[in-house]
N, C-alpha and C. Protein backbone atom coordinates (compact mmCIF):
# COMPACT_ATOMS: atom_id res chain seq x y z
N MET A 1 -41.65 -23.01 22.15
CA MET A 1 -40.78 -22.59 21.07
C MET A 1 -40.89 -23.66 19.99
N SER A 2 -41.02 -23.24 18.76
CA SER A 2 -41.19 -24.19 17.65
C SER A 2 -39.87 -24.85 17.29
N HIS A 3 -39.98 -25.99 16.60
CA HIS A 3 -38.77 -26.67 16.12
C HIS A 3 -38.00 -25.76 15.17
N GLU A 4 -38.71 -24.97 14.36
CA GLU A 4 -38.05 -24.06 13.42
C GLU A 4 -37.22 -23.01 14.17
N THR A 5 -37.77 -22.47 15.25
CA THR A 5 -37.05 -21.49 16.05
C THR A 5 -35.81 -22.12 16.67
N ILE A 6 -35.93 -23.32 17.18
CA ILE A 6 -34.78 -24.03 17.76
C ILE A 6 -33.72 -24.25 16.69
N ARG A 7 -34.14 -24.67 15.49
CA ARG A 7 -33.20 -24.90 14.40
C ARG A 7 -32.45 -23.61 14.06
N ARG A 8 -33.17 -22.48 14.02
CA ARG A 8 -32.52 -21.21 13.72
C ARG A 8 -31.48 -20.86 14.78
N PHE A 9 -31.83 -21.09 16.05
CA PHE A 9 -30.87 -20.81 17.12
C PHE A 9 -29.64 -21.71 16.99
N VAL A 10 -29.85 -22.99 16.74
CA VAL A 10 -28.73 -23.92 16.63
C VAL A 10 -27.87 -23.57 15.43
N ASN A 11 -28.50 -23.31 14.29
CA ASN A 11 -27.73 -22.95 13.10
C ASN A 11 -27.02 -21.63 13.28
N GLY A 12 -27.56 -20.76 14.09
CA GLY A 12 -26.93 -19.47 14.35
C GLY A 12 -25.88 -19.53 15.45
N ARG A 13 -25.59 -20.74 15.95
CA ARG A 13 -24.57 -20.96 16.98
C ARG A 13 -24.88 -20.20 18.27
N HIS A 14 -26.16 -20.21 18.67
CA HIS A 14 -26.56 -19.57 19.91
C HIS A 14 -27.10 -20.63 20.86
N LEU A 15 -27.25 -20.25 22.10
CA LEU A 15 -27.90 -21.12 23.06
C LEU A 15 -29.39 -20.86 23.03
N ALA A 16 -30.16 -21.91 23.15
CA ALA A 16 -31.61 -21.74 23.16
C ALA A 16 -32.18 -22.59 24.27
N VAL A 17 -33.16 -22.08 24.92
CA VAL A 17 -33.88 -22.86 25.90
C VAL A 17 -35.24 -23.12 25.30
N ALA A 18 -35.54 -24.39 25.11
CA ALA A 18 -36.77 -24.76 24.45
C ALA A 18 -37.71 -25.39 25.45
N MET A 19 -38.94 -25.09 25.32
CA MET A 19 -39.98 -25.70 26.14
C MET A 19 -40.79 -26.58 25.22
N LEU A 20 -40.61 -27.87 25.35
CA LEU A 20 -41.33 -28.82 24.51
C LEU A 20 -42.19 -29.70 25.39
N GLY A 21 -43.48 -29.61 25.20
CA GLY A 21 -44.41 -30.46 25.96
C GLY A 21 -44.24 -30.33 27.46
N GLY A 22 -43.95 -29.14 27.95
CA GLY A 22 -43.81 -28.94 29.39
C GLY A 22 -42.42 -29.29 29.91
N LEU A 23 -41.55 -29.86 29.09
CA LEU A 23 -40.20 -30.20 29.52
C LEU A 23 -39.25 -29.08 29.16
N SER A 24 -38.37 -28.79 30.04
CA SER A 24 -37.36 -27.78 29.75
C SER A 24 -36.12 -28.49 29.23
N MET A 25 -35.58 -27.98 28.14
CA MET A 25 -34.44 -28.63 27.52
C MET A 25 -33.47 -27.54 27.06
N THR A 26 -32.21 -27.69 27.38
CA THR A 26 -31.22 -26.73 26.93
C THR A 26 -30.45 -27.34 25.78
N MET A 27 -30.34 -26.58 24.70
CA MET A 27 -29.60 -27.05 23.52
C MET A 27 -28.38 -26.16 23.34
N THR A 28 -27.25 -26.76 23.12
CA THR A 28 -26.04 -26.00 22.86
C THR A 28 -25.54 -26.38 21.48
N ALA A 29 -25.31 -25.40 20.67
CA ALA A 29 -24.79 -25.66 19.33
C ALA A 29 -23.33 -26.03 19.45
N PRO A 30 -22.85 -26.90 18.56
CA PRO A 30 -21.43 -27.23 18.58
C PRO A 30 -20.59 -25.97 18.32
N VAL A 31 -19.39 -25.96 18.83
CA VAL A 31 -18.51 -24.82 18.64
C VAL A 31 -17.74 -25.03 17.33
N PHE A 32 -17.82 -24.06 16.47
CA PHE A 32 -17.14 -24.10 15.18
C PHE A 32 -16.15 -22.96 15.13
N ALA A 33 -15.10 -23.15 14.37
CA ALA A 33 -14.17 -22.05 14.13
C ALA A 33 -14.91 -20.93 13.41
N GLN A 34 -14.65 -19.73 13.81
CA GLN A 34 -15.30 -18.60 13.16
C GLN A 34 -14.80 -18.48 11.73
N SER A 35 -15.71 -18.52 10.79
CA SER A 35 -15.31 -18.32 9.41
C SER A 35 -15.32 -16.83 9.12
N PRO A 36 -14.45 -16.40 8.22
CA PRO A 36 -14.42 -14.97 7.91
C PRO A 36 -15.76 -14.55 7.32
N SER A 37 -16.11 -13.31 7.56
CA SER A 37 -17.36 -12.82 7.00
C SER A 37 -17.25 -12.81 5.48
N PRO A 38 -18.37 -13.02 4.80
CA PRO A 38 -18.30 -13.07 3.35
C PRO A 38 -17.80 -11.73 2.80
N PRO A 39 -17.04 -11.80 1.71
CA PRO A 39 -16.51 -10.55 1.16
C PRO A 39 -17.64 -9.65 0.68
N ALA A 40 -17.42 -8.37 0.82
CA ALA A 40 -18.41 -7.42 0.32
C ALA A 40 -18.44 -7.52 -1.20
N ALA A 41 -19.58 -7.24 -1.76
CA ALA A 41 -19.71 -7.31 -3.21
C ALA A 41 -18.91 -6.17 -3.85
N VAL A 42 -18.20 -6.52 -4.90
CA VAL A 42 -17.44 -5.54 -5.67
C VAL A 42 -18.44 -4.71 -6.46
N ASN A 43 -18.37 -3.39 -6.29
CA ASN A 43 -19.39 -2.51 -6.87
C ASN A 43 -18.84 -1.52 -7.90
N ASN A 44 -17.49 -1.43 -8.02
CA ASN A 44 -16.92 -0.46 -8.96
C ASN A 44 -15.48 -0.84 -9.25
N TRP A 45 -14.85 -0.08 -10.12
CA TRP A 45 -13.47 -0.37 -10.53
C TRP A 45 -12.50 -0.25 -9.37
N ALA A 46 -12.69 0.74 -8.49
CA ALA A 46 -11.79 0.91 -7.35
C ALA A 46 -11.88 -0.30 -6.42
N ASP A 47 -13.08 -0.81 -6.19
CA ASP A 47 -13.25 -2.02 -5.37
C ASP A 47 -12.51 -3.20 -6.00
N LEU A 48 -12.62 -3.34 -7.32
CA LEU A 48 -11.95 -4.43 -8.02
C LEU A 48 -10.44 -4.31 -7.89
N ARG A 49 -9.90 -3.09 -8.06
CA ARG A 49 -8.45 -2.88 -7.90
C ARG A 49 -8.00 -3.27 -6.50
N ALA A 50 -8.73 -2.83 -5.49
CA ALA A 50 -8.37 -3.12 -4.10
C ALA A 50 -8.41 -4.63 -3.83
N MET A 51 -9.43 -5.30 -4.36
CA MET A 51 -9.55 -6.73 -4.17
C MET A 51 -8.38 -7.46 -4.82
N LEU A 52 -8.01 -7.07 -6.05
CA LEU A 52 -6.89 -7.70 -6.74
C LEU A 52 -5.58 -7.45 -6.00
N ALA A 53 -5.38 -6.25 -5.50
CA ALA A 53 -4.16 -5.93 -4.75
C ALA A 53 -4.06 -6.79 -3.49
N SER A 54 -5.18 -7.06 -2.86
CA SER A 54 -5.16 -7.86 -1.63
C SER A 54 -4.81 -9.32 -1.88
N CYS A 55 -4.92 -9.77 -3.10
CA CYS A 55 -4.63 -11.17 -3.44
C CYS A 55 -3.17 -11.40 -3.82
N TRP A 56 -2.41 -10.34 -4.02
CA TRP A 56 -1.05 -10.47 -4.55
C TRP A 56 -0.01 -10.40 -3.45
N SER A 57 0.88 -11.38 -3.43
CA SER A 57 2.05 -11.39 -2.55
C SER A 57 3.27 -11.26 -3.44
N VAL A 58 4.05 -10.23 -3.23
CA VAL A 58 5.21 -9.96 -4.07
C VAL A 58 6.39 -10.81 -3.59
N PRO A 59 6.94 -11.65 -4.47
CA PRO A 59 8.10 -12.44 -4.07
C PRO A 59 9.34 -11.56 -3.90
N PRO A 60 10.25 -11.96 -3.02
CA PRO A 60 11.47 -11.17 -2.84
C PRO A 60 12.38 -11.24 -4.06
N ASP A 61 13.27 -10.29 -4.14
CA ASP A 61 14.30 -10.24 -5.18
C ASP A 61 13.72 -10.12 -6.59
N THR A 62 12.61 -9.42 -6.73
CA THR A 62 11.98 -9.27 -8.05
C THR A 62 11.78 -7.80 -8.41
N ARG A 63 12.48 -6.91 -7.74
CA ARG A 63 12.35 -5.47 -7.99
C ARG A 63 12.51 -5.19 -9.48
N GLY A 64 11.62 -4.39 -10.04
CA GLY A 64 11.67 -4.04 -11.45
C GLY A 64 10.85 -4.95 -12.35
N SER A 65 10.30 -6.03 -11.80
CA SER A 65 9.51 -6.97 -12.61
C SER A 65 8.11 -6.44 -12.88
N GLN A 66 7.58 -6.85 -14.02
CA GLN A 66 6.21 -6.53 -14.40
C GLN A 66 5.63 -7.69 -15.18
N ILE A 67 4.33 -7.87 -15.05
CA ILE A 67 3.64 -8.87 -15.87
C ILE A 67 2.24 -8.35 -16.13
N ALA A 68 1.76 -8.57 -17.35
CA ALA A 68 0.43 -8.06 -17.73
C ALA A 68 -0.43 -9.20 -18.24
N PHE A 69 -1.70 -9.15 -17.87
CA PHE A 69 -2.69 -10.14 -18.27
C PHE A 69 -3.85 -9.48 -18.99
N LEU A 70 -4.50 -10.25 -19.83
CA LEU A 70 -5.75 -9.84 -20.47
C LEU A 70 -6.74 -10.97 -20.20
N PHE A 71 -7.92 -10.60 -19.68
CA PHE A 71 -8.94 -11.61 -19.40
C PHE A 71 -10.31 -10.96 -19.31
N GLY A 72 -11.30 -11.78 -19.20
CA GLY A 72 -12.66 -11.30 -19.03
C GLY A 72 -13.25 -11.84 -17.74
N ILE A 73 -14.22 -11.13 -17.22
CA ILE A 73 -14.95 -11.55 -16.03
C ILE A 73 -16.42 -11.57 -16.40
N SER A 74 -17.09 -12.64 -16.04
CA SER A 74 -18.52 -12.74 -16.35
C SER A 74 -19.33 -11.80 -15.47
N LYS A 75 -20.57 -11.61 -15.81
CA LYS A 75 -21.42 -10.71 -15.01
C LYS A 75 -21.70 -11.27 -13.62
N THR A 76 -21.35 -12.55 -13.41
CA THR A 76 -21.52 -13.14 -12.08
C THR A 76 -20.21 -13.20 -11.30
N GLY A 77 -19.13 -12.62 -11.87
CA GLY A 77 -17.87 -12.51 -11.15
C GLY A 77 -16.89 -13.66 -11.35
N GLU A 78 -17.10 -14.48 -12.36
CA GLU A 78 -16.19 -15.59 -12.64
C GLU A 78 -15.28 -15.24 -13.81
N LEU A 79 -14.08 -15.83 -13.80
CA LEU A 79 -13.18 -15.63 -14.94
C LEU A 79 -13.79 -16.27 -16.17
N ARG A 80 -13.65 -15.59 -17.29
CA ARG A 80 -14.07 -16.16 -18.58
C ARG A 80 -12.81 -16.67 -19.27
N GLY A 81 -12.52 -17.91 -19.08
CA GLY A 81 -11.33 -18.50 -19.69
C GLY A 81 -10.08 -18.21 -18.89
N SER A 82 -8.97 -18.68 -19.39
CA SER A 82 -7.68 -18.48 -18.73
C SER A 82 -7.12 -17.11 -19.08
N PRO A 83 -6.57 -16.41 -18.09
CA PRO A 83 -5.93 -15.13 -18.38
C PRO A 83 -4.75 -15.32 -19.33
N LEU A 84 -4.62 -14.42 -20.27
CA LEU A 84 -3.55 -14.46 -21.26
C LEU A 84 -2.46 -13.48 -20.84
N ILE A 85 -1.22 -13.95 -20.78
CA ILE A 85 -0.11 -13.03 -20.50
C ILE A 85 0.19 -12.27 -21.78
N THR A 86 0.11 -10.94 -21.69
CA THR A 86 0.33 -10.11 -22.87
C THR A 86 1.70 -9.44 -22.86
N ALA A 87 2.33 -9.35 -21.69
CA ALA A 87 3.67 -8.76 -21.60
C ALA A 87 4.30 -9.21 -20.29
N ARG A 88 5.62 -9.30 -20.29
CA ARG A 88 6.34 -9.61 -19.05
C ARG A 88 7.75 -9.06 -19.14
N ARG A 89 8.19 -8.52 -18.03
CA ARG A 89 9.59 -8.14 -17.87
C ARG A 89 9.95 -8.60 -16.46
N LEU A 90 10.68 -9.68 -16.40
CA LEU A 90 10.98 -10.30 -15.11
C LEU A 90 12.44 -10.06 -14.76
N GLU A 91 12.67 -9.59 -13.55
CA GLU A 91 14.01 -9.26 -13.07
C GLU A 91 14.40 -10.22 -11.95
N GLY A 92 15.70 -10.26 -11.68
CA GLY A 92 16.20 -11.11 -10.60
C GLY A 92 16.73 -12.42 -11.14
N HIS A 93 17.15 -13.29 -10.22
CA HIS A 93 17.68 -14.59 -10.64
C HIS A 93 16.55 -15.47 -11.16
N GLN A 94 16.90 -16.57 -11.77
CA GLN A 94 15.93 -17.43 -12.46
C GLN A 94 14.78 -17.85 -11.55
N GLU A 95 15.08 -18.27 -10.33
CA GLU A 95 14.01 -18.69 -9.40
C GLU A 95 13.10 -17.53 -9.04
N ALA A 96 13.67 -16.34 -8.84
CA ALA A 96 12.88 -15.16 -8.50
C ALA A 96 11.93 -14.82 -9.64
N ARG A 97 12.43 -14.88 -10.87
CA ARG A 97 11.57 -14.59 -12.03
C ARG A 97 10.43 -15.60 -12.10
N LYS A 98 10.74 -16.86 -11.89
CA LYS A 98 9.71 -17.92 -11.90
C LYS A 98 8.67 -17.65 -10.81
N HIS A 99 9.12 -17.29 -9.61
CA HIS A 99 8.19 -17.04 -8.50
C HIS A 99 7.33 -15.81 -8.75
N TYR A 100 7.88 -14.82 -9.42
CA TYR A 100 7.10 -13.61 -9.72
C TYR A 100 5.92 -13.95 -10.63
N GLU A 101 6.20 -14.69 -11.70
CA GLU A 101 5.12 -15.07 -12.61
C GLU A 101 4.10 -15.96 -11.90
N GLU A 102 4.57 -16.91 -11.10
CA GLU A 102 3.66 -17.78 -10.35
C GLU A 102 2.80 -16.97 -9.37
N ALA A 103 3.41 -16.01 -8.68
CA ALA A 103 2.67 -15.19 -7.71
C ALA A 103 1.57 -14.38 -8.40
N ALA A 104 1.87 -13.86 -9.59
CA ALA A 104 0.87 -13.09 -10.33
C ALA A 104 -0.27 -13.99 -10.79
N ARG A 105 0.08 -15.16 -11.33
CA ARG A 105 -0.97 -16.11 -11.75
C ARG A 105 -1.81 -16.54 -10.55
N ASP A 106 -1.14 -16.83 -9.42
CA ASP A 106 -1.85 -17.25 -8.21
C ASP A 106 -2.79 -16.15 -7.71
N ALA A 107 -2.36 -14.90 -7.81
CA ALA A 107 -3.21 -13.79 -7.35
C ALA A 107 -4.51 -13.77 -8.14
N VAL A 108 -4.41 -13.94 -9.44
CA VAL A 108 -5.61 -13.92 -10.27
C VAL A 108 -6.49 -15.13 -9.94
N SER A 109 -5.91 -16.31 -9.85
CA SER A 109 -6.74 -17.49 -9.59
C SER A 109 -7.31 -17.47 -8.17
N ARG A 110 -6.57 -16.93 -7.20
CA ARG A 110 -7.03 -16.88 -5.82
C ARG A 110 -8.17 -15.87 -5.65
N CYS A 111 -8.16 -14.81 -6.43
CA CYS A 111 -9.17 -13.75 -6.28
C CYS A 111 -10.53 -14.12 -6.86
N PHE A 112 -10.55 -15.03 -7.81
CA PHE A 112 -11.81 -15.31 -8.49
C PHE A 112 -12.33 -16.68 -8.13
N PRO A 113 -13.63 -16.85 -8.12
CA PRO A 113 -14.66 -15.88 -8.49
C PRO A 113 -14.85 -14.83 -7.40
N ILE A 114 -15.41 -13.69 -7.80
CA ILE A 114 -15.70 -12.61 -6.87
C ILE A 114 -17.21 -12.42 -6.79
N THR A 115 -17.62 -11.78 -5.74
CA THR A 115 -19.03 -11.40 -5.60
C THR A 115 -19.17 -9.99 -6.13
N VAL A 116 -20.04 -9.80 -7.09
CA VAL A 116 -20.24 -8.48 -7.68
C VAL A 116 -21.69 -8.05 -7.54
N THR A 117 -21.89 -6.75 -7.51
CA THR A 117 -23.25 -6.23 -7.53
C THR A 117 -23.81 -6.44 -8.94
N PRO A 118 -25.11 -6.57 -9.08
CA PRO A 118 -25.67 -6.76 -10.43
C PRO A 118 -25.30 -5.65 -11.40
N SER A 119 -25.28 -4.40 -10.94
CA SER A 119 -24.98 -3.30 -11.87
C SER A 119 -23.52 -3.35 -12.32
N PHE A 120 -22.58 -3.63 -11.41
CA PHE A 120 -21.18 -3.71 -11.82
C PHE A 120 -20.93 -5.00 -12.60
N GLY A 121 -21.63 -6.06 -12.26
CA GLY A 121 -21.50 -7.30 -13.02
C GLY A 121 -21.87 -7.10 -14.47
N ALA A 122 -22.87 -6.29 -14.74
CA ALA A 122 -23.27 -6.01 -16.12
C ALA A 122 -22.15 -5.28 -16.86
N ILE A 123 -21.45 -4.39 -16.18
CA ILE A 123 -20.32 -3.69 -16.79
C ILE A 123 -19.17 -4.66 -17.04
N LEU A 124 -18.85 -5.48 -16.04
CA LEU A 124 -17.75 -6.44 -16.17
C LEU A 124 -17.97 -7.41 -17.32
N GLY A 125 -19.21 -7.84 -17.49
CA GLY A 125 -19.51 -8.80 -18.54
C GLY A 125 -19.22 -8.28 -19.93
N GLU A 126 -19.07 -6.97 -20.07
CA GLU A 126 -18.82 -6.35 -21.37
C GLU A 126 -17.43 -5.75 -21.49
N SER A 127 -16.59 -5.87 -20.45
CA SER A 127 -15.31 -5.16 -20.43
C SER A 127 -14.13 -6.11 -20.37
N PRO A 128 -13.19 -6.00 -21.31
CA PRO A 128 -11.94 -6.77 -21.16
C PRO A 128 -11.13 -6.14 -20.02
N ILE A 129 -10.43 -6.97 -19.26
CA ILE A 129 -9.60 -6.50 -18.16
C ILE A 129 -8.14 -6.60 -18.58
N ARG A 130 -7.44 -5.50 -18.46
CA ARG A 130 -6.00 -5.45 -18.70
C ARG A 130 -5.36 -5.18 -17.35
N LEU A 131 -4.74 -6.20 -16.79
CA LEU A 131 -4.21 -6.13 -15.42
C LEU A 131 -2.70 -6.25 -15.45
N ARG A 132 -2.02 -5.30 -14.77
CA ARG A 132 -0.55 -5.36 -14.65
C ARG A 132 -0.18 -5.44 -13.18
N PHE A 133 0.71 -6.37 -12.85
CA PHE A 133 1.34 -6.42 -11.53
C PHE A 133 2.75 -5.87 -11.72
N VAL A 134 3.07 -4.80 -10.97
CA VAL A 134 4.30 -4.07 -11.20
C VAL A 134 5.08 -3.96 -9.88
N ASN A 135 6.35 -4.38 -9.90
CA ASN A 135 7.20 -4.27 -8.72
C ASN A 135 8.23 -3.16 -8.94
N THR A 136 7.70 -1.95 -9.11
CA THR A 136 8.52 -0.75 -9.22
C THR A 136 7.88 0.31 -8.33
N PRO A 137 8.58 1.39 -8.06
CA PRO A 137 7.93 2.46 -7.30
C PRO A 137 6.67 2.92 -8.03
N PRO A 138 5.61 3.23 -7.30
CA PRO A 138 4.38 3.68 -7.94
C PRO A 138 4.59 4.93 -8.78
N THR A 139 3.95 4.96 -9.92
CA THR A 139 3.97 6.11 -10.82
C THR A 139 2.53 6.36 -11.25
N ALA A 140 2.32 7.43 -11.95
CA ALA A 140 0.99 7.66 -12.52
C ALA A 140 0.72 6.51 -13.48
N ALA A 141 -0.40 5.90 -13.34
CA ALA A 141 -0.73 4.74 -14.18
C ALA A 141 -2.07 4.97 -14.85
N TYR A 142 -2.22 4.35 -15.96
CA TYR A 142 -3.47 4.41 -16.72
C TYR A 142 -4.48 3.53 -16.01
N GLN A 143 -5.34 4.14 -15.19
CA GLN A 143 -6.29 3.40 -14.35
C GLN A 143 -7.72 3.74 -14.74
N ILE A 144 -8.06 3.54 -15.98
CA ILE A 144 -9.42 3.85 -16.40
C ILE A 144 -10.14 2.54 -16.66
N ASN A 145 -11.22 2.35 -15.93
CA ASN A 145 -12.06 1.16 -16.06
C ASN A 145 -11.22 -0.11 -16.01
N GLY A 146 -11.22 -0.91 -17.07
CA GLY A 146 -10.58 -2.21 -17.05
C GLY A 146 -9.08 -2.19 -17.21
N ASN A 147 -8.44 -1.03 -17.22
CA ASN A 147 -6.98 -0.94 -17.24
C ASN A 147 -6.52 -0.77 -15.80
N ILE A 148 -5.98 -1.85 -15.25
CA ILE A 148 -5.67 -1.88 -13.82
C ILE A 148 -4.17 -2.16 -13.62
N THR A 149 -3.52 -1.28 -12.89
CA THR A 149 -2.12 -1.51 -12.51
C THR A 149 -2.06 -1.64 -11.00
N ILE A 150 -1.49 -2.75 -10.54
CA ILE A 150 -1.29 -2.99 -9.11
C ILE A 150 0.20 -2.87 -8.84
N PHE A 151 0.58 -1.90 -8.01
CA PHE A 151 1.98 -1.71 -7.65
C PHE A 151 2.28 -2.48 -6.37
N ALA A 152 3.51 -3.00 -6.29
CA ALA A 152 3.96 -3.66 -5.07
C ALA A 152 3.96 -2.65 -3.93
N PRO A 153 3.61 -3.09 -2.74
CA PRO A 153 3.68 -2.15 -1.61
C PRO A 153 5.12 -1.71 -1.38
N PRO A 154 5.31 -0.47 -0.91
CA PRO A 154 6.69 0.03 -0.70
C PRO A 154 7.40 -0.73 0.40
């Protein structure tokens, strides 16, 4: 077995039995914590909406709150500059309102950069994103291309 084959087995966290110069040698790769599988590439607007929704944790006591951002995403899936808050209506006590805005900002920063397919990356590179995080019951929302509304889970 070649050194390259042994290296592939070790890097792949498998056991390999190598025969080197007539000697039998067992190699065991170190045990590592399993890392999550890499995220699937975002290929369309629905994938982007789902990915953004998965990044948002709604703070308690903020029912009725909304916040809207405007930003761009490069064709490689990175934010182009800082997201601009274009509107906000924050409900609840002062700390709750503060946490709502922080949670929305954190969701955007936690989600990016993203992995995008080349074809969708080309679309993103030319499209402004208007993103709203809304803590109201879901309603019909304007969800065309870069107009994205994420509703809090019920």
